[in-house]
C-alpha atoms as a PDB file:
ATOM      1  CA  UNK A   1     -50.951-197.946-203.117  1.00  0.00           C
ATOM      2  CA  UNK A   2     -52.340-200.430-200.736  1.00  0.00           C
ATOM      3  CA  UNK A   3     -55.867-199.302-199.933  1.00  0.00           C
ATOM      4  CA  UNK A   4     -59.202-199.047-201.683  1.00  0.00           C
ATOM      5  CA  UNK A   5     -58.814-195.309-202.284  1.00  0.00           C
ATOM      6  CA  UNK A   6     -55.779-195.929-204.481  1.00  0.00           C
ATOM      7  CA  UNK A   7     -53.728-193.512-202.393  1.00  0.00           C
ATOM      8  CA  UNK A   8     -50.346-194.294-200.879  1.00  0.00           C
ATOM      9  CA  UNK A   9     -50.754-195.392-197.271  1.00  0.00           C
ATOM     10  CA  UNK A  10     -48.118-192.872-196.249  1.00  0.00           C
ATOM     11  CA  UNK A  11     -50.392-189.985-197.293  1.00  0.00           C
ATOM     12  CA  UNK A  12     -53.273-191.365-195.268  1.00  0.00           C
ATOM     13  CA  UNK A  13     -51.008-191.958-192.269  1.00  0.00           C
ATOM     14  CA  UNK A  14     -49.714-188.385-192.453  1.00  0.00           C
ATOM     15  CA  UNK A  15     -53.244-186.990-192.561  1.00  0.00           C
ATOM     16  CA  UNK A  16     -54.303-189.163-189.649  1.00  0.00           C
ATOM     17  CA  UNK A  17     -51.357-187.727-187.714  1.00  0.00           C
ATOM     18  CA  UNK A  18     -52.729-184.243-188.480  1.00  0.00           C
ATOM     19  CA  UNK A  19     -56.129-185.196-187.067  1.00  0.00           C
ATOM     20  CA  UNK A  20     -54.571-186.788-183.983  1.00  0.00           C
ATOM     21  CA  UNK A  21     -52.330-183.773-183.340  1.00  0.00           C
ATOM     22  CA  UNK A  22     -55.330-181.442-183.606  1.00  0.00           C
ATOM     23  CA  UNK A  23     -57.289-183.516-181.084  1.00  0.00           C
ATOM     24  CA  UNK A  24     -54.337-183.525-178.714  1.00  0.00           C
ATOM     25  CA  UNK A  25     -53.853-179.762-179.016  1.00  0.00           C
ATOM     26  CA  UNK A  26     -57.551-179.069-178.470  1.00  0.00           C
ATOM     27  CA  UNK A  27     -57.480-181.194-175.338  1.00  0.00           C
ATOM     28  CA  UNK A  28     -54.544-179.322-173.840  1.00  0.00           C
ATOM     29  CA  UNK A  29     -54.999-175.686-174.643  1.00  0.00           C
ATOM     30  CA  UNK A  30     -54.384-172.965-177.107  1.00  0.00           C
ATOM     31  CA  UNK A  31     -50.734-172.082-176.638  1.00  0.00           C
ATOM     32  CA  UNK A  32     -48.320-172.035-179.532  1.00  0.00           C
ATOM     33  CA  UNK A  33     -46.504-175.012-178.012  1.00  0.00           C
ATOM     34  CA  UNK A  34     -49.738-177.001-177.741  1.00  0.00           C
ATOM     35  CA  UNK A  35     -50.315-176.559-181.476  1.00  0.00           C
ATOM     36  CA  UNK A  36     -46.715-177.055-182.681  1.00  0.00           C
ATOM     37  CA  UNK A  37     -47.159-180.818-183.356  1.00  0.00           C
ATOM     38  CA  UNK A  38     -50.254-180.052-185.430  1.00  0.00           C
ATOM     39  CA  UNK A  39     -48.431-177.375-187.434  1.00  0.00           C
ATOM     40  CA  UNK A  40     -45.563-179.755-188.121  1.00  0.00           C
ATOM     41  CA  UNK A  41     -47.868-182.648-189.035  1.00  0.00           C
ATOM     42  CA  UNK A  42     -49.935-180.423-191.328  1.00  0.00           C
ATOM     43  CA  UNK A  43     -46.813-179.166-193.107  1.00  0.00           C
ATOM     44  CA  UNK A  44     -45.517-182.706-193.616  1.00  0.00           C
ATOM     45  CA  UNK A  45     -48.877-183.866-194.967  1.00  0.00           C
ATOM     46  CA  UNK A  46     -49.205-180.868-197.276  1.00  0.00           C
ATOM     47  CA  UNK A  47     -45.708-181.363-198.689  1.00  0.00           C
ATOM     48  CA  UNK A  48     -46.327-185.059-199.312  1.00  0.00           C
ATOM     49  CA  UNK A  49     -49.676-184.316-200.961  1.00  0.00           C
ATOM     50  CA  UNK A  50     -48.082-181.695-203.234  1.00  0.00           C
ATOM     51  CA  UNK A  51     -45.277-184.082-204.212  1.00  0.00           C
ATOM     52  CA  UNK A  52     -47.715-186.900-204.948  1.00  0.00           C
ATOM     53  CA  UNK A  53     -49.963-184.624-206.982  1.00  0.00           C
ATOM     54  CA  UNK A  54     -47.049-183.303-209.037  1.00  0.00           C
ATOM     55  CA  UNK A  55     -45.747-186.818-209.715  1.00  0.00           C
ATOM     56  CA  UNK A  56     -49.214-188.044-210.695  1.00  0.00           C
ATOM     57  CA  UNK A  57     -50.006-184.970-212.780  1.00  0.00           C
ATOM     58  CA  UNK A  58     -53.175-184.119-210.883  1.00  0.00           C
ATOM     59  CA  UNK A  59     -54.197-181.173-208.734  1.00  0.00           C
ATOM     60  CA  UNK A  60     -53.078-181.033-205.130  1.00  0.00           C
ATOM     61  CA  UNK A  61     -56.624-180.046-204.155  1.00  0.00           C
ATOM     62  CA  UNK A  62     -57.955-183.278-205.659  1.00  0.00           C
ATOM     63  CA  UNK A  63     -55.365-185.361-203.821  1.00  0.00           C
ATOM     64  CA  UNK A  64     -55.912-183.448-200.554  1.00  0.00           C
ATOM     65  CA  UNK A  65     -59.648-184.021-200.717  1.00  0.00           C
ATOM     66  CA  UNK A  66     -59.221-187.739-201.330  1.00  0.00           C
ATOM     67  CA  UNK A  67     -56.625-188.065-198.565  1.00  0.00           C
ATOM     68  CA  UNK A  68     -58.770-186.208-196.050  1.00  0.00           C
ATOM     69  CA  UNK A  69     -61.748-188.397-196.896  1.00  0.00           C
ATOM     70  CA  UNK A  70     -59.720-191.621-196.641  1.00  0.00           C
ATOM     71  CA  UNK A  71     -58.051-190.580-193.368  1.00  0.00           C
ATOM     72  CA  UNK A  72     -61.134-189.188-191.633  1.00  0.00           C
ATOM     73  CA  UNK A  73     -61.787-190.921-188.331  1.00  0.00           C
ATOM     74  CA  UNK A  74     -64.760-193.277-188.400  1.00  0.00           C
END
């Protein structure tokens, strides 16, 4: 855990990838292929959040909220 939020950097990086994939998809269209990277990034982030929450003994919703806040673009 190498940030002020106390979250693993990998979780924040995964969530930032979700945000970036959404921006890219919105810029290019609404086809299934345009949104595939976002779907994949969101699934990876959600799995990592669930694993972290289970290991830490806290709710996934709590972790997700903290990750989204820490990863939100400035």
